[in-house]
Amino acid sequence: TPVELQAIVNGWAGRLAPRTVRRAYGVVRAVFAYGVAADMIGRTPCRAVKLPRVESLARRTPTPEEVARLAAAMREEYRPMVYLGAILGLRFSEVAGLRVGRLDLLGKSLSVEETVTRDAQGRPVFGPPKSAASRRTVALPTALAEMLAEQLRRRGITGADADELVFVSPDGGPLRYANWRTRVWVPACRQAGLDGLGFHDLRRASATALVLGRVDLKTAQTRLGHSDPRLTIGLYAQVVDQADRAASDLLGQHFLPPSRTERARSAHD
């Protein structure tokens, strides 16, 4: 019954993190939903069950200077990954699944068609992108296209090696996030003074740059591979200090006379 299920959820909440409780409840709810659909039970007990509140985590959005510092600290063969995250907003799974044939370096574009995740045993598994919207083609800035071309030269592969992965582990296989994070990402973050930064924070930096650059919502949504524009707005289009300062300066110039500092600077110029 709903009362009994609520008691179970309350028991979980006493010893598990709120996000873990919600994931576990999601599995239970799916099982009961299947039971209803298969006519095994007449009604699901997952009704009016109160779940523990999940506090939103404060995440860091690296600045362009911090991104450059991190890239400089990164091992050379993985350095372009930083910019694929920060400039294109690619997820780690999308970067790890990137094959040579998905690059058009002359046309300066990149297609996201495949990702690398892991199975129950932690082994790399290739599959489609997260959603239909995640399957996308995005333009590359010239400098990033050149960086990727250098990556292929470094690995001794060309456009003819269409099925080759652009980034591989030391044994030549696909990257495993946990291993790569421990071996490459964390040491580089520590060296760059960015302890605690996650790869997904680069994606947030990309979205923030789109907002600051006043890129229209539809283009931002397409580049980030979001199926719903509300994801683009709710998760990424957050006010940042730089935008707030720009707004302050704009309003100050509109309503107030120049400050003494501004007058002095103008006179000096």
Protein backbone atom coordinates (compact mmCIF):
# COMPACT_ATOMS: atom_id res chain seq x y z
CA THR A 1 0.00 0.00 0.00
CA PRO A 2 1.11 3.65 -0.28
CA VAL A 3 1.49 3.80 3.50
CA GLU A 4 3.80 0.79 3.55
CA LEU A 5 5.79 2.14 0.62
CA GLN A 6 6.15 5.49 2.37
CA ALA A 7 7.54 3.67 5.41
CA ILE A 8 10.11 1.94 3.21
CA VAL A 9 11.11 5.26 1.62
CA ASN A 10 11.42 6.85 5.07
CA GLY A 11 13.71 4.01 6.10
CA TRP A 12 15.90 4.60 3.06
CA ALA A 13 16.00 8.33 3.80
CA GLY A 14 17.40 7.62 7.24
CA ARG A 15 20.55 6.01 5.87
CA LEU A 16 20.91 7.02 2.21
CA ALA A 17 21.51 10.27 0.36
CA PRO A 18 18.38 11.95 -1.08
CA ARG A 19 19.51 11.38 -4.67
CA THR A 20 20.08 7.68 -3.96
CA VAL A 21 16.62 7.39 -2.41
CA ARG A 22 15.04 8.98 -5.46
CA ARG A 23 16.89 6.65 -7.83
CA ALA A 24 15.82 3.60 -5.82
CA TYR A 25 12.22 4.81 -5.72
CA GLY A 26 12.33 5.36 -9.47
CA VAL A 27 13.18 1.67 -9.96
CA VAL A 28 10.34 0.61 -7.65
CA ARG A 29 7.91 2.90 -9.43
CA ALA A 30 8.92 1.47 -12.82
CA VAL A 31 8.38 -2.08 -11.57
CA PHE A 32 4.89 -1.30 -10.33
CA ALA A 33 4.08 0.60 -13.53
CA TYR A 34 5.03 -2.49 -15.51
CA GLY A 35 2.82 -4.59 -13.24
CA VAL A 36 -0.15 -2.35 -13.99
CA ALA A 37 0.55 -2.35 -17.73
CA ALA A 38 0.81 -6.16 -17.74
CA ASP A 39 -2.44 -6.53 -15.74
CA MET A 40 -0.55 -8.20 -12.91
CA ILE A 41 -1.85 -5.65 -10.40
CA GLY A 42 -4.80 -3.33 -10.61
CA ARG A 43 -3.23 -0.21 -9.15
CA THR A 44 0.24 1.00 -8.27
CA PRO A 45 1.00 1.88 -4.64
CA CYS A 46 3.29 4.70 -5.87
CA ARG A 47 0.75 7.38 -5.01
CA ALA A 48 1.43 10.54 -2.99
CA VAL A 49 4.72 9.15 -1.72
CA LYS A 50 6.88 11.94 -0.28
CA LEU A 51 10.54 11.80 -1.25
CA PRO A 52 13.45 13.55 0.50
CA ARG A 53 14.33 16.91 -0.93
CA VAL A 54 17.47 17.07 -3.05
CA GLU A 55 19.47 20.22 -2.47
CA SER A 56 20.90 21.61 -5.68
CA LEU A 57 24.66 21.42 -5.75
CA ALA A 58 26.68 24.58 -6.30
CA ARG A 59 28.83 23.88 -9.33
CA ARG A 60 31.84 25.78 -10.54
CA THR A 61 31.88 27.45 -13.94
CA PRO A 62 35.48 27.81 -15.08
CA THR A 63 36.50 31.08 -16.69
CA PRO A 64 38.31 31.21 -20.06
CA GLU A 65 41.55 31.83 -18.18
CA GLU A 66 40.98 28.76 -16.00
CA VAL A 67 40.13 26.64 -19.03
CA ALA A 68 43.39 27.69 -20.67
CA ARG A 69 45.31 26.93 -17.47
CA LEU A 70 43.73 23.49 -17.25
CA ALA A 71 44.50 22.74 -20.90
CA ALA A 72 48.13 23.73 -20.36
CA ALA A 73 48.34 21.34 -17.40
CA MET A 74 46.72 18.49 -19.35
CA ARG A 75 48.77 15.76 -21.01
CA GLU A 76 49.28 16.69 -24.65
CA GLU A 77 47.34 13.77 -26.11
CA TYR A 78 44.25 14.72 -24.10
CA ARG A 79 44.51 18.52 -24.27
CA PRO A 80 41.94 18.93 -27.09
CA MET A 81 39.37 17.21 -24.88
CA VAL A 82 39.29 20.27 -22.63
CA TYR A 83 38.29 22.49 -25.54
CA LEU A 84 35.79 20.00 -26.92
CA GLY A 85 34.06 20.32 -23.55
CA ALA A 86 34.45 24.09 -23.14
CA ILE A 87 33.88 25.22 -26.74
CA LEU A 88 31.50 22.60 -28.11
CA GLY A 89 29.87 21.62 -24.83
CA LEU A 90 30.48 17.92 -25.48
CA ARG A 91 29.85 15.42 -22.69
CA PHE A 92 32.71 13.12 -21.71
CA SER A 93 30.88 10.13 -23.21
CA GLU A 94 30.60 12.02 -26.51
CA VAL A 95 34.29 12.92 -26.54
CA ALA A 96 35.33 9.36 -25.67
CA GLY A 97 33.14 8.00 -28.48
CA LEU A 98 34.40 10.43 -31.13
CA ARG A 99 35.76 8.67 -34.20
CA VAL A 100 37.92 10.12 -36.96
CA GLY A 101 35.12 9.71 -39.51
CA ARG A 102 32.97 12.14 -37.54
CA LEU A 103 35.44 14.96 -38.10
CA ASP A 104 35.29 17.25 -41.13
CA LEU A 105 38.41 19.28 -40.55
CA LEU A 106 38.29 20.99 -43.94
CA GLY A 107 34.66 21.99 -43.46
CA LYS A 108 35.40 22.63 -39.78
CA SER A 109 32.60 20.62 -38.23
CA LEU A 110 32.15 17.66 -35.90
CA SER A 111 29.28 15.18 -35.69
CA VAL A 112 28.15 13.50 -32.48
CA GLU A 113 26.86 10.07 -33.47
CA GLU A 114 28.18 7.70 -30.81
CA THR A 115 29.08 7.65 -27.13
CA VAL A 116 31.03 5.46 -24.75
CA THR A 117 29.36 4.47 -21.48
CA ARG A 118 29.92 1.44 -19.24
CA ASP A 119 28.03 -1.75 -18.53
CA ALA A 120 27.22 -3.26 -15.14
CA GLN A 121 30.77 -4.63 -14.91
CA GLY A 122 32.31 -1.25 -15.70
CA ARG A 123 33.39 -2.24 -19.21
CA PRO A 124 33.23 0.35 -22.04
CA VAL A 125 30.12 0.07 -24.18
CA PHE A 126 29.46 1.95 -27.42
CA GLY A 127 25.97 3.23 -28.04
CA PRO A 128 23.89 6.06 -29.48
CA PRO A 129 23.89 9.57 -27.99
CA LYS A 130 21.82 10.38 -24.91
CA SER A 131 18.81 11.51 -26.96
CA ALA A 132 17.80 12.26 -30.55
CA ALA A 133 18.73 15.90 -29.96
CA SER A 134 22.18 14.84 -28.77
CA ARG A 135 22.87 13.47 -32.26
CA ARG A 136 24.09 16.70 -33.83
CA THR A 137 26.67 18.39 -36.04
CA VAL A 138 28.38 21.51 -34.74
CA ALA A 139 30.80 23.97 -36.30
CA LEU A 140 34.43 24.04 -35.15
CA PRO A 141 36.48 27.21 -34.71
CA THR A 142 39.59 27.14 -36.87
CA ALA A 143 42.01 26.84 -33.94
CA LEU A 144 40.18 23.80 -32.58
CA ALA A 145 40.09 22.18 -36.03
CA GLU A 146 43.85 22.66 -36.25
CA MET A 147 44.28 21.22 -32.77
CA LEU A 148 42.33 18.11 -33.76
CA ALA A 149 44.34 17.76 -36.96
CA GLU A 150 47.49 17.79 -34.85
CA GLN A 151 45.95 15.14 -32.60
CA LEU A 152 45.49 12.84 -35.60
CA ARG A 153 49.06 13.47 -36.76
CA ARG A 154 50.31 12.73 -33.26
CA ARG A 155 48.51 9.38 -33.32
CA GLY A 156 49.69 8.59 -36.84
CA ILE A 157 46.21 8.33 -38.31
CA THR A 158 44.41 10.14 -41.13
CA GLY A 159 40.90 10.70 -42.41
CA ALA A 160 41.14 7.28 -44.07
CA ASP A 161 41.07 5.71 -40.60
CA ALA A 162 37.42 6.61 -40.17
CA ASP A 163 36.66 4.03 -37.46
CA GLU A 164 39.61 4.95 -35.25
CA LEU A 165 38.84 6.74 -31.99
CA VAL A 166 40.31 10.22 -31.72
CA PHE A 167 41.22 9.70 -28.04
CA VAL A 168 42.31 6.37 -26.59
CA SER A 169 43.64 4.91 -23.37
CA PRO A 170 47.32 3.86 -23.07
CA ASP A 171 46.43 0.34 -24.28
CA GLY A 172 44.73 1.77 -27.38
CA GLY A 173 41.20 1.02 -26.24
CA PRO A 174 38.33 3.41 -25.44
CA LEU A 175 38.65 5.74 -22.48
CA ARG A 176 37.06 4.71 -19.19
CA TYR A 177 35.96 7.79 -17.32
CA ALA A 178 36.88 6.63 -13.81
CA ASN A 179 40.39 5.60 -14.87
CA TRP A 180 40.92 8.67 -17.03
CA ARG A 181 39.70 10.95 -14.28
CA THR A 182 42.14 9.48 -11.75
CA ARG A 183 45.06 9.21 -14.14
CA VAL A 184 44.72 12.44 -16.16
CA TRP A 185 41.97 14.82 -15.07
CA VAL A 186 42.50 15.09 -11.32
CA PRO A 187 46.30 15.64 -11.53
CA ALA A 188 45.81 18.33 -14.21
CA CYS A 189 43.12 20.08 -12.15
CA ARG A 190 45.36 20.01 -9.11
CA GLN A 191 48.30 21.46 -11.07
CA ALA A 192 46.03 24.19 -12.47
CA GLY A 193 44.66 25.06 -9.03
CA LEU A 194 41.18 23.83 -9.95
CA ASP A 195 40.61 21.04 -7.44
CA GLY A 196 37.06 19.75 -7.48
CA LEU A 197 36.35 20.71 -11.08
CA GLY A 198 34.41 18.14 -13.10
CA PHE A 199 34.52 17.52 -16.83
CA HIS A 200 30.83 18.44 -17.03
CA ASP A 201 31.72 21.89 -15.67
CA LEU A 202 33.37 22.57 -19.04
CA ARG A 203 29.95 22.07 -20.62
CA ARG A 204 28.56 24.61 -18.19
CA ALA A 205 31.33 27.02 -19.22
CA SER A 206 30.31 26.54 -22.85
CA ALA A 207 26.67 27.31 -22.06
CA THR A 208 27.63 30.34 -20.01
CA ALA A 209 29.74 31.67 -22.89
CA LEU A 210 26.76 31.25 -25.22
CA VAL A 211 24.59 33.24 -22.82
CA LEU A 212 27.20 35.98 -22.40
CA GLY A 213 27.65 36.10 -26.17
CA ARG A 214 23.89 36.57 -26.59
CA VAL A 215 23.62 33.51 -28.81
CA ASP A 216 19.95 32.77 -29.43
CA LEU A 217 18.35 30.03 -27.36
CA LYS A 218 17.65 27.69 -30.29
CA THR A 219 21.27 27.71 -31.42
CA ALA A 220 22.46 27.15 -27.85
CA GLN A 221 20.00 24.28 -27.44
CA THR A 222 21.20 22.66 -30.68
CA ARG A 223 24.90 23.00 -29.88
CA LEU A 224 24.43 21.56 -26.39
CA GLY A 225 22.24 18.73 -27.66
CA HIS A 226 19.29 19.43 -25.39
CA SER A 227 15.94 17.90 -26.33
CA ASP A 228 14.04 20.57 -24.39
CA PRO A 229 14.95 24.29 -24.35
CA ARG A 230 13.95 24.37 -20.69
CA LEU A 231 17.02 22.28 -19.95
CA THR A 232 19.17 24.90 -21.61
CA ILE A 233 17.56 27.64 -19.57
CA GLY A 234 17.14 25.86 -16.25
CA LEU A 235 20.48 24.11 -16.03
CA TYR A 236 22.85 26.43 -17.81
CA ALA A 237 21.56 29.93 -18.47
CA GLN A 238 22.46 31.16 -15.01
CA VAL A 239 23.46 34.67 -14.11
CA VAL A 240 27.20 34.95 -13.71
CA ASP A 241 29.30 37.69 -12.16
CA GLN A 242 30.53 38.87 -15.54
CA ALA A 243 27.00 39.31 -16.88
CA ASP A 244 25.87 41.03 -13.69
CA ARG A 245 28.80 43.45 -13.82
CA ALA A 246 28.11 44.24 -17.48
CA ALA A 247 24.45 44.93 -16.64
CA SER A 248 25.49 47.17 -13.75
CA ASP A 249 27.86 49.19 -15.93
CA LEU A 250 25.23 49.54 -18.65
CA LEU A 251 22.59 50.83 -16.24
CA GLY A 252 25.09 53.11 -14.53
CA GLN A 253 26.05 54.71 -17.82
CA HIS A 254 22.40 55.12 -18.71
CA PHE A 255 21.21 56.78 -15.51
CA LEU A 256 24.27 58.37 -13.86
CA PRO A 257 26.87 60.96 -14.90
CA PRO A 258 30.46 59.70 -15.25
CA SER A 259 32.20 58.97 -11.96
CA ARG A 260 35.30 60.84 -10.82
CA THR A 261 37.42 57.85 -11.81
CA GLU A 262 35.87 57.73 -15.27
CA ARG A 263 36.30 61.49 -15.73
CA ALA A 264 39.93 61.28 -14.64
CA ARG A 265 40.56 58.38 -17.01
CA SER A 266 38.88 60.26 -19.87
CA ALA A 267 40.95 63.38 -19.17
CA HIS A 268 44.15 61.32 -19.03
CA ASP A 269 43.34 59.66 -22.38
